[in-house]
Every structure is written in structure tokens, then in C-alpha cells.
Amino acid sequence: MRLQSGQTAVLGGLMEDLVTDNQDSIPGANQIPGVGSLLSQRSAANTKSELVIFLRSTVIRDDSVNGDYANFRSLLPGDDFLLQPNPSKPPHLQ
């Protein structure tokens, strides 16, 4: 598959058919001939599902922080990142 930057590709085809057959009845009553079928209920359900995956391509031409990743510069840690205490550790273990 060939895509230009920003185009979307669609992958599909994983399909599932699920058939469920339920029978509800009063315990013991379904053993009685004739009456058992009157006191029970049957239901069937069909469920279909399909997995579709959408992929949007992004072509990176300059993989530096000054290039295509310049918008993410504010998310980078500062110079003192390793000097700060770890908030996920208890204070007595730092």
C-alpha cells in the first residue's frame, strides 16, 4: 500500500458472527411432558461484528526537534529533569 502524508488507509475484513441460543424454564417443570414446553422460553440472538482499522500516514522528513517535531518541544523535560525528586517513589526511598 502506498500513501501520501496525511492520507488514510482502511484495513478491514476481520468479521465475527455470534449465535446464542438460550432456554429459560422453571427448574424441574421442563421435565414434565406437555407442560414443560408451556413453562419455558427459548430465544436466539445473532450478533455480527467487524474490525476495521484506520491508519493515517505521516511522513517525517526532518526527524530532529528543530524539524518536524518542533511542535513537541514544549513536552520535553528540562535540563534539571534528572535532579528533581521522583513523585512516584515514597520520600524515604529517594
PDB file of N, CA and C in Angstrom:
ATOM      1  N   MET A   1       0.847  -1.149   0.000  1.00  0.00           N
ATOM      2  CA  MET A   1       0.000   0.000   0.000  1.00  0.00           C
ATOM      3  C   MET A   1       0.904   1.226   0.000  1.00  0.00           C
ATOM      4  N   ARG A   2       0.579   2.188  -0.831  1.00  0.00           N
ATOM      5  CA  ARG A   2       1.347   3.429  -0.910  1.00  0.00           C
ATOM      6  C   ARG A   2       0.423   4.581  -0.564  1.00  0.00           C
ATOM      7  N   LEU A   3       0.896   5.428   0.338  1.00  0.00           N
ATOM      8  CA  LEU A   3       0.114   6.576   0.786  1.00  0.00           C
ATOM      9  C   LEU A   3       0.975   7.819   0.774  1.00  0.00           C
ATOM     10  N   GLN A   4       0.336   8.939   0.575  1.00  0.00           N
ATOM     11  CA  GLN A   4       0.986  10.230   0.744  1.00  0.00           C
ATOM     12  C   GLN A   4       0.771  10.660   2.196  1.00  0.00           C
ATOM     13  N   SER A   5       1.557  11.612   2.651  1.00  0.00           N
ATOM     14  CA  SER A   5       1.417  12.099   4.022  1.00  0.00           C
ATOM     15  C   SER A   5       0.023  12.689   4.219  1.00  0.00           C
ATOM     16  N   GLY A   6      -0.662  12.258   5.285  1.00  0.00           N
ATOM     17  CA  GLY A   6      -1.994  12.747   5.594  1.00  0.00           C
ATOM     18  C   GLY A   6      -3.120  11.900   5.034  1.00  0.00           C
ATOM     19  N   GLN A   7      -2.829  10.965   4.139  1.00  0.00           N
ATOM     20  CA  GLN A   7      -3.872  10.096   3.597  1.00  0.00           C
ATOM     21  C   GLN A   7      -4.202   8.996   4.594  1.00  0.00           C
ATOM     22  N   THR A   8      -5.414   8.444   4.480  1.00  0.00           N
ATOM     23  CA  THR A   8      -5.881   7.418   5.397  1.00  0.00           C
ATOM     24  C   THR A   8      -6.073   6.107   4.652  1.00  0.00           C
ATOM     25  N   ALA A   9      -5.554   5.031   5.226  1.00  0.00           N
ATOM     26  CA  ALA A   9      -5.751   3.686   4.692  1.00  0.00           C
ATOM     27  C   ALA A   9      -6.727   2.955   5.608  1.00  0.00           C
ATOM     28  N   VAL A  10      -7.555   2.105   5.017  1.00  0.00           N
ATOM     29  CA  VAL A  10      -8.537   1.346   5.778  1.00  0.00           C
ATOM     30  C   VAL A  10      -8.229  -0.137   5.622  1.00  0.00           C
ATOM     31  N   LEU A  11      -8.046  -0.805   6.757  1.00  0.00           N
ATOM     32  CA  LEU A  11      -7.856  -2.252   6.776  1.00  0.00           C
ATOM     33  C   LEU A  11      -9.086  -2.874   7.409  1.00  0.00           C
ATOM     34  N   GLY A  12      -9.650  -3.846   6.761  1.00  0.00           N
ATOM     35  CA  GLY A  12     -10.850  -4.481   7.302  1.00  0.00           C
ATOM     36  C   GLY A  12     -10.877  -5.943   6.929  1.00  0.00           C
ATOM     37  N   GLY A  13     -11.902  -6.616   7.370  1.00  0.00           N
ATOM     38  CA  GLY A  13     -12.071  -7.997   6.985  1.00  0.00           C
ATOM     39  C   GLY A  13     -12.135  -8.975   8.129  1.00  0.00           C
ATOM     40  N   LEU A  14     -11.813  -8.565   9.347  1.00  0.00           N
ATOM     41  CA  LEU A  14     -11.958  -9.476  10.478  1.00  0.00           C
ATOM     42  C   LEU A  14     -13.405  -9.416  10.948  1.00  0.00           C
ATOM     43  N   MET A  15     -14.163 -10.429  10.605  1.00  0.00           N
ATOM     44  CA  MET A  15     -15.592 -10.449  10.922  1.00  0.00           C
ATOM     45  C   MET A  15     -15.883 -11.603  11.881  1.00  0.00           C
ATOM     46  N   GLU A  16     -16.888 -11.389  12.714  1.00  0.00           N
ATOM     47  CA  GLU A  16     -17.309 -12.415  13.665  1.00  0.00           C
ATOM     48  C   GLU A  16     -18.822 -12.505  13.665  1.00  0.00           C
ATOM     49  N   ASP A  17     -19.328 -13.722  13.546  1.00  0.00           N
ATOM     50  CA  ASP A  17     -20.758 -13.994  13.673  1.00  0.00           C
ATOM     51  C   ASP A  17     -20.949 -14.823  14.936  1.00  0.00           C
ATOM     52  N   LEU A  18     -21.783 -14.315  15.834  1.00  0.00           N
ATOM     53  CA  LEU A  18     -22.027 -14.997  17.102  1.00  0.00           C
ATOM     54  C   LEU A  18     -23.506 -15.340  17.191  1.00  0.00           C
ATOM     55  N   VAL A  19     -23.811 -16.614  17.392  1.00  0.00           N
ATOM     56  CA  VAL A  19     -25.182 -17.083  17.520  1.00  0.00           C
ATOM     57  C   VAL A  19     -25.353 -17.645  18.925  1.00  0.00           C
ATOM     58  N   THR A  20     -26.321 -17.109  19.670  1.00  0.00           N
ATOM     59  CA  THR A  20     -26.595 -17.618  21.013  1.00  0.00           C
ATOM     60  C   THR A  20     -28.019 -18.139  21.069  1.00  0.00           C
ATOM     61  N   ASP A  21     -28.180 -19.274  21.697  1.00  0.00           N
ATOM     62  CA  ASP A  21     -29.492 -19.899  21.851  1.00  0.00           C
ATOM     63  C   ASP A  21     -29.719 -20.117  23.341  1.00  0.00           C
ATOM     64  N   ASN A  22     -30.699 -19.432  23.912  1.00  0.00           N
ATOM     65  CA  ASN A  22     -30.984 -19.507  25.344  1.00  0.00           C
ATOM     66  C   ASN A  22     -32.327 -20.184  25.582  1.00  0.00           C
ATOM     67  N   GLN A  23     -32.372 -20.980  26.634  1.00  0.00           N
ATOM     68  CA  GLN A  23     -33.625 -21.591  27.051  1.00  0.00           C
ATOM     69  C   GLN A  23     -33.788 -21.358  28.548  1.00  0.00           C
ATOM     70  N   ASP A  24     -34.840 -20.648  28.916  1.00  0.00           N
ATOM     71  CA  ASP A  24     -35.159 -20.375  30.308  1.00  0.00           C
ATOM     72  C   ASP A  24     -36.415 -21.140  30.693  1.00  0.00           C
ATOM     73  N   SER A  25     -36.371 -21.766  31.861  1.00  0.00           N
ATOM     74  CA  SER A  25     -37.550 -22.507  32.320  1.00  0.00           C
ATOM     75  C   SER A  25     -37.526 -22.601  33.841  1.00  0.00           C
ATOM     76  N   ILE A  26     -38.635 -22.992  34.384  1.00  0.00           N
ATOM     77  CA  ILE A  26     -38.741 -23.228  35.826  1.00  0.00           C
ATOM     78  C   ILE A  26     -38.052 -24.560  36.111  1.00  0.00           C
ATOM     79  N   PRO A  27     -37.130 -24.591  37.087  1.00  0.00           N
ATOM     80  CA  PRO A  27     -36.407 -25.846  37.360  1.00  0.00           C
ATOM     81  C   PRO A  27     -37.370 -26.993  37.655  1.00  0.00           C
ATOM     82  N   GLY A  28     -37.160 -28.077  36.982  1.00  0.00           N
ATOM     83  CA  GLY A  28     -37.987 -29.263  37.171  1.00  0.00           C
ATOM     84  C   GLY A  28     -39.236 -29.279  36.303  1.00  0.00           C
ATOM     85  N   ALA A  29     -39.779 -28.110  35.961  1.00  0.00           N
ATOM     86  CA  ALA A  29     -41.005 -28.068  35.167  1.00  0.00           C
ATOM     87  C   ALA A  29     -40.752 -28.461  33.721  1.00  0.00           C
ATOM     88  N   ASN A  30     -39.552 -28.249  33.243  1.00  0.00           N
ATOM     89  CA  ASN A  30     -39.285 -28.601  31.856  1.00  0.00           C
ATOM     90  C   ASN A  30     -39.200 -30.115  31.647  1.00  0.00           C
ATOM     91  N   GLN A  31     -39.190 -30.903  32.724  1.00  0.00           N
ATOM     92  CA  GLN A  31     -39.162 -32.363  32.618  1.00  0.00           C
ATOM     93  C   GLN A  31     -40.563 -32.954  32.446  1.00  0.00           C
ATOM     94  N   ILE A  32     -41.595 -32.163  32.750  1.00  0.00           N
ATOM     95  CA  ILE A  32     -42.969 -32.658  32.648  1.00  0.00           C
ATOM     96  C   ILE A  32     -43.400 -32.605  31.181  1.00  0.00           C
ATOM     97  N   PRO A  33     -43.823 -33.741  30.605  1.00  0.00           N
ATOM     98  CA  PRO A  33     -44.231 -33.735  29.185  1.00  0.00           C
ATOM     99  C   PRO A  33     -45.441 -32.830  28.957  1.00  0.00           C
ATOM    100  N   GLY A  34     -45.410 -32.048  27.930  1.00  0.00           N
ATOM    101  CA  GLY A  34     -46.520 -31.159  27.568  1.00  0.00           C
ATOM    102  C   GLY A  34     -46.494 -29.852  28.333  1.00  0.00           C
ATOM    103  N   VAL A  35     -46.441 -29.892  29.646  1.00  0.00           N
ATOM    104  CA  VAL A  35     -46.462 -28.683  30.472  1.00  0.00           C
ATOM    105  C   VAL A  35     -45.097 -27.997  30.465  1.00  0.00           C
ATOM    106  N   GLY A  36     -44.040 -28.775  30.368  1.00  0.00           N
ATOM    107  CA  GLY A  36     -42.693 -28.214  30.396  1.00  0.00           C
ATOM    108  C   GLY A  36     -42.457 -27.213  29.284  1.00  0.00           C
ATOM    109  N   SER A  37     -42.972 -27.494  28.100  1.00  0.00           N
ATOM    110  CA  SER A  37     -42.776 -26.566  26.983  1.00  0.00           C
ATOM    111  C   SER A  37     -43.616 -25.299  27.150  1.00  0.00           C
ATOM    112  N   LEU A  38     -44.710 -25.368  27.884  1.00  0.00           N
ATOM    113  CA  LEU A  38     -45.530 -24.181  28.131  1.00  0.00           C
ATOM    114  C   LEU A  38     -44.888 -23.248  29.158  1.00  0.00           C
ATOM    115  N   LEU A  39     -44.072 -23.792  30.053  1.00  0.00           N
ATOM    116  CA  LEU A  39     -43.463 -23.010  31.114  1.00  0.00           C
ATOM    117  C   LEU A  39     -41.995 -22.666  30.821  1.00  0.00           C
ATOM    118  N   SER A  40     -41.622 -22.761  29.575  1.00  0.00           N
ATOM    119  CA  SER A  40     -40.244 -22.430  29.220  1.00  0.00           C
ATOM    120  C   SER A  40     -40.234 -21.409  28.083  1.00  0.00           C
ATOM    121  N   GLN A  41     -39.105 -20.801  27.939  1.00  0.00           N
ATOM    122  CA  GLN A  41     -38.953 -19.768  26.909  1.00  0.00           C
ATOM    123  C   GLN A  41     -37.636 -19.987  26.188  1.00  0.00           C
ATOM    124  N   ARG A  42     -37.661 -19.915  24.878  1.00  0.00           N
ATOM    125  CA  ARG A  42     -36.448 -20.039  24.070  1.00  0.00           C
ATOM    126  C   ARG A  42     -36.230 -18.745  23.321  1.00  0.00           C
ATOM    127  N   SER A  43     -34.985 -18.352  23.229  1.00  0.00           N
ATOM    128  CA  SER A  43     -34.648 -17.161  22.453  1.00  0.00           C
ATOM    129  C   SER A  43     -33.321 -17.396  21.737  1.00  0.00           C
ATOM    130  N   ALA A  44     -33.224 -16.813  20.566  1.00  0.00           N
ATOM    131  CA  ALA A  44     -31.998 -16.912  19.781  1.00  0.00           C
ATOM    132  C   ALA A  44     -31.584 -15.505  19.379  1.00  0.00           C
ATOM    133  N   ALA A  45     -30.293 -15.254  19.410  1.00  0.00           N
ATOM    134  CA  ALA A  45     -29.791 -13.931  19.034  1.00  0.00           C
ATOM    135  C   ALA A  45     -28.581 -14.110  18.117  1.00  0.00           C
ATOM    136  N   ASN A  46     -28.557 -13.317  17.080  1.00  0.00           N
ATOM    137  CA  ASN A  46     -27.422 -13.294  16.157  1.00  0.00           C
ATOM    138  C   ASN A  46     -26.725 -11.952  16.289  1.00  0.00           C
ATOM    139  N   THR A  47     -25.416 -11.987  16.463  1.00  0.00           N
ATOM    140  CA  THR A  47     -24.622 -10.762  16.576  1.00  0.00           C
ATOM    141  C   THR A  47     -23.504 -10.821  15.553  1.00  0.00           C
ATOM    142  N   LYS A  48     -23.369  -9.751  14.797  1.00  0.00           N
ATOM    143  CA  LYS A  48     -22.290  -9.661  13.814  1.00  0.00           C
ATOM    144  C   LYS A  48     -21.422  -8.464  14.156  1.00  0.00           C
ATOM    145  N   SER A  49     -20.122  -8.638  14.082  1.00  0.00           N
ATOM    146  CA  SER A  49     -19.199  -7.533  14.328  1.00  0.00           C
ATOM    147  C   SER A  49     -18.059  -7.612  13.319  1.00  0.00           C
ATOM    148  N   GLU A  50     -17.482  -6.456  13.044  1.00  0.00           N
ATOM    149  CA  GLU A  50     -16.374  -6.376  12.100  1.00  0.00           C
ATOM    150  C   GLU A  50     -15.341  -5.408  12.637  1.00  0.00           C
ATOM    151  N   LEU A  51     -14.084  -5.795  12.547  1.00  0.00           N
ATOM    152  CA  LEU A  51     -12.986  -4.946  12.975  1.00  0.00           C
ATOM    153  C   LEU A  51     -12.457  -4.204  11.760  1.00  0.00           C
ATOM    154  N   VAL A  52     -12.447  -2.872  11.848  1.00  0.00           N
ATOM    155  CA  VAL A  52     -11.915  -2.032  10.782  1.00  0.00           C
ATOM    156  C   VAL A  52     -10.840  -1.146  11.395  1.00  0.00           C
ATOM    157  N   ILE A  53      -9.671  -1.109  10.787  1.00  0.00           N
ATOM    158  CA  ILE A  53      -8.547  -0.327  11.290  1.00  0.00           C
ATOM    159  C   ILE A  53      -8.268   0.807  10.310  1.00  0.00           C
ATOM    160  N   PHE A  54      -8.216   2.041  10.835  1.00  0.00           N
ATOM    161  CA  PHE A  54      -7.898   3.217  10.040  1.00  0.00           C
ATOM    162  C   PHE A  54      -6.474   3.659  10.378  1.00  0.00           C
ATOM    163  N   LEU A  55      -5.638   3.808   9.362  1.00  0.00           N
ATOM    164  CA  LEU A  55      -4.262   4.260   9.541  1.00  0.00           C
ATOM    165  C   LEU A  55      -4.069   5.556   8.769  1.00  0.00           C
ATOM    166  N   ARG A  56      -3.602   6.589   9.449  1.00  0.00           N
ATOM    167  CA  ARG A  56      -3.301   7.844   8.769  1.00  0.00           C
ATOM    168  C   ARG A  56      -1.791   8.012   8.736  1.00  0.00           C
ATOM    169  N   SER A  57      -1.271   8.187   7.547  1.00  0.00           N
ATOM    170  CA  SER A  57       0.179   8.270   7.383  1.00  0.00           C
ATOM    171  C   SER A  57       0.677   9.677   7.655  1.00  0.00           C
ATOM    172  N   THR A  58       1.874   9.735   8.227  1.00  0.00           N
ATOM    173  CA  THR A  58       2.572  10.997   8.440  1.00  0.00           C
ATOM    174  C   THR A  58       4.016  10.784   8.013  1.00  0.00           C
ATOM    175  N   VAL A  59       4.439  11.527   7.037  1.00  0.00           N
ATOM    176  CA  VAL A  59       5.803  11.408   6.548  1.00  0.00           C
ATOM    177  C   VAL A  59       6.681  12.385   7.322  1.00  0.00           C
ATOM    178  N   ILE A  60       7.732  11.862   7.948  1.00  0.00           N
ATOM    179  CA  ILE A  60       8.683  12.671   8.697  1.00  0.00           C
ATOM    180  C   ILE A  60       9.900  12.903   7.802  1.00  0.00           C
ATOM    181  N   ARG A  61      10.123  14.132   7.448  1.00  0.00           N
ATOM    182  CA  ARG A  61      11.247  14.442   6.565  1.00  0.00           C
ATOM    183  C   ARG A  61      12.474  14.883   7.364  1.00  0.00           C
ATOM    184  N   ASP A  62      12.272  15.630   8.450  1.00  0.00           N
ATOM    185  CA  ASP A  62      13.374  16.069   9.300  1.00  0.00           C
ATOM    186  C   ASP A  62      13.063  15.586  10.713  1.00  0.00           C
ATOM    187  N   ASP A  63      13.758  14.548  11.169  1.00  0.00           N
ATOM    188  CA  ASP A  63      13.416  13.904  12.439  1.00  0.00           C
ATOM    189  C   ASP A  63      14.106  14.535  13.645  1.00  0.00           C
ATOM    190  N   SER A  64      14.407  15.805  13.569  1.00  0.00           N
ATOM    191  CA  SER A  64      15.021  16.482  14.704  1.00  0.00           C
ATOM    192  C   SER A  64      13.990  17.343  15.433  1.00  0.00           C
ATOM    193  N   VAL A  65      14.358  17.816  16.621  1.00  0.00           N
ATOM    194  CA  VAL A  65      13.467  18.672  17.409  1.00  0.00           C
ATOM    195  C   VAL A  65      13.284  20.028  16.713  1.00  0.00           C
ATOM    196  N   ASN A  66      14.235  20.409  15.902  1.00  0.00           N
ATOM    197  CA  ASN A  66      14.117  21.663  15.172  1.00  0.00           C
ATOM    198  C   ASN A  66      13.343  21.488  13.868  1.00  0.00           C
ATOM    199  N   GLY A  67      13.084  20.249  13.465  1.00  0.00           N
ATOM    200  CA  GLY A  67      12.392  19.975  12.210  1.00  0.00           C
ATOM    201  C   GLY A  67      10.915  19.687  12.426  1.00  0.00           C
ATOM    202  N   ASP A  68      10.492  18.490  12.022  1.00  0.00           N
ATOM    203  CA  ASP A  68       9.077  18.106  12.079  1.00  0.00           C
ATOM    204  C   ASP A  68       8.551  17.946  13.499  1.00  0.00           C
ATOM    205  N   TYR A  69       9.425  17.782  14.466  1.00  0.00           N
ATOM    206  CA  TYR A  69       8.988  17.607  15.855  1.00  0.00           C
ATOM    207  C   TYR A  69       9.031  18.912  16.657  1.00  0.00           C
ATOM    208  N   ALA A  70       9.136  20.035  16.002  1.00  0.00           N
ATOM    209  CA  ALA A  70       9.243  21.322  16.699  1.00  0.00           C
ATOM    210  C   ALA A  70       8.004  21.618  17.546  1.00  0.00           C
ATOM    211  N   ASN A  71       6.836  21.144  17.139  1.00  0.00           N
ATOM    212  CA  ASN A  71       5.610  21.383  17.915  1.00  0.00           C
ATOM    213  C   ASN A  71       5.614  20.644  19.252  1.00  0.00           C
ATOM    214  N   PHE A  72       6.462  19.635  19.393  1.00  0.00           N
ATOM    215  CA  PHE A  72       6.505  18.838  20.617  1.00  0.00           C
ATOM    216  C   PHE A  72       7.609  19.281  21.567  1.00  0.00           C
ATOM    217  N   ARG A  73       8.308  20.340  21.240  1.00  0.00           N
ATOM    218  CA  ARG A  73       9.427  20.804  22.059  1.00  0.00           C
ATOM    219  C   ARG A  73       8.984  21.130  23.482  1.00  0.00           C
ATOM    220  N   SER A  74       7.781  21.671  23.647  1.00  0.00           N
ATOM    221  CA  SER A  74       7.305  22.044  24.982  1.00  0.00           C
ATOM    222  C   SER A  74       7.042  20.823  25.866  1.00  0.00           C
ATOM    223  N   LEU A  75       6.928  19.644  25.292  1.00  0.00           N
ATOM    224  CA  LEU A  75       6.669  18.427  26.059  1.00  0.00           C
ATOM    225  C   LEU A  75       7.950  17.763  26.569  1.00  0.00           C
ATOM    226  N   LEU A  76       9.093  18.207  26.084  1.00  0.00           N
ATOM    227  CA  LEU A  76      10.365  17.621  26.519  1.00  0.00           C
ATOM    228  C   LEU A  76      10.713  18.064  27.934  1.00  0.00           C
ATOM    229  N   PRO A  77      11.379  17.201  28.706  1.00  0.00           N
ATOM    230  CA  PRO A  77      11.787  17.598  30.059  1.00  0.00           C
ATOM    231  C   PRO A  77      12.904  18.640  30.000  1.00  0.00           C
ATOM    232  N   GLY A  78      13.007  19.430  31.046  1.00  0.00           N
ATOM    233  CA  GLY A  78      14.042  20.464  31.130  1.00  0.00           C
ATOM    234  C   GLY A  78      15.396  19.883  31.497  1.00  0.00           C
ATOM    235  N   ASP A  79      16.397  20.748  31.593  1.00  0.00           N
ATOM    236  CA  ASP A  79      17.752  20.303  31.917  1.00  0.00           C
ATOM    237  C   ASP A  79      17.859  19.729  33.326  1.00  0.00           C
ATOM    238  N   ASP A  80      16.992  20.164  34.237  1.00  0.00           N
ATOM    239  CA  ASP A  80      17.052  19.693  35.618  1.00  0.00           C
ATOM    240  C   ASP A  80      16.120  18.506  35.881  1.00  0.00           C
ATOM    241  N   PHE A  81      15.681  17.836  34.844  1.00  0.00           N
ATOM    242  CA  PHE A  81      14.709  16.739  34.989  1.00  0.00           C
ATOM    243  C   PHE A  81      15.238  15.622  35.881  1.00  0.00           C
ATOM    244  N   LEU A  82      16.491  15.222  35.705  1.00  0.00           N
ATOM    245  CA  LEU A  82      17.037  14.123  36.496  1.00  0.00           C
ATOM    246  C   LEU A  82      17.392  14.533  37.917  1.00  0.00           C
ATOM    247  N   LEU A  83      17.434  15.825  38.198  1.00  0.00           N
ATOM    248  CA  LEU A  83      17.744  16.301  39.538  1.00  0.00           C
ATOM    249  C   LEU A  83      16.508  16.416  40.419  1.00  0.00           C
ATOM    250  N   GLN A  84      15.322  16.409  39.817  1.00  0.00           N
ATOM    251  CA  GLN A  84      14.073  16.542  40.572  1.00  0.00           C
ATOM    252  C   GLN A  84      13.716  15.216  41.230  1.00  0.00           C
ATOM    253  N   PRO A  85      13.022  15.260  42.374  1.00  0.00           N
ATOM    254  CA  PRO A  85      12.618  14.010  43.035  1.00  0.00           C
ATOM    255  C   PRO A  85      11.549  13.288  42.213  1.00  0.00           C
ATOM    256  N   ASN A  86      11.541  11.979  42.322  1.00  0.00           N
ATOM    257  CA  ASN A  86      10.576  11.153  41.613  1.00  0.00           C
ATOM    258  C   ASN A  86       9.259  11.167  42.399  1.00  0.00           C
ATOM    259  N   PRO A  87       8.167  11.676  41.818  1.00  0.00           N
ATOM    260  CA  PRO A  87       6.901  11.751  42.570  1.00  0.00           C
ATOM    261  C   PRO A  87       6.256  10.398  42.828  1.00  0.00           C
ATOM    262  N   SER A  88       6.653   9.368  42.088  1.00  0.00           N
ATOM    263  CA  SER A  88       6.032   8.061  42.296  1.00  0.00           C
ATOM    264  C   SER A  88       6.725   7.238  43.391  1.00  0.00           C
ATOM    265  N   LYS A  89       7.887   7.682  43.867  1.00  0.00           N
ATOM    266  CA  LYS A  89       8.584   6.973  44.936  1.00  0.00           C
ATOM    267  C   LYS A  89       8.267   7.609  46.288  1.00  0.00           C
ATOM    268  N   PRO A  90       8.161   6.797  47.310  1.00  0.00           N
ATOM    269  CA  PRO A  90       7.987   7.361  48.656  1.00  0.00           C
ATOM    270  C   PRO A  90       9.233   8.166  49.028  1.00  0.00           C
ATOM    271  N   PRO A  91       9.084   9.227  49.828  1.00  0.00           N
ATOM    272  CA  PRO A  91      10.208  10.095  50.155  1.00  0.00           C
ATOM    273  C   PRO A  91      11.375   9.386  50.821  1.00  0.00           C
ATOM    274  N   HIS A  92      11.128   8.360  51.619  1.00  0.00           N
ATOM    275  CA  HIS A  92      12.220   7.704  52.330  1.00  0.00           C
ATOM    276  C   HIS A  92      13.075   6.813  51.409  1.00  0.00           C
ATOM    277  N   LEU A  93      12.621   6.538  50.157  1.00  0.00           N
ATOM    278  CA  LEU A  93      13.387   5.716  49.218  1.00  0.00           C
ATOM    279  C   LEU A  93      14.154   6.555  48.189  1.00  0.00           C
ATOM    280  N   GLN A  94      14.020   7.850  48.212  1.00  0.00           N
ATOM    281  CA  GLN A  94      14.688   8.681  47.198  1.00  0.00           C
ATOM    282  C   GLN A  94      16.087   9.026  47.593  1.00  0.00           C
TER     283      GLN A  94
END
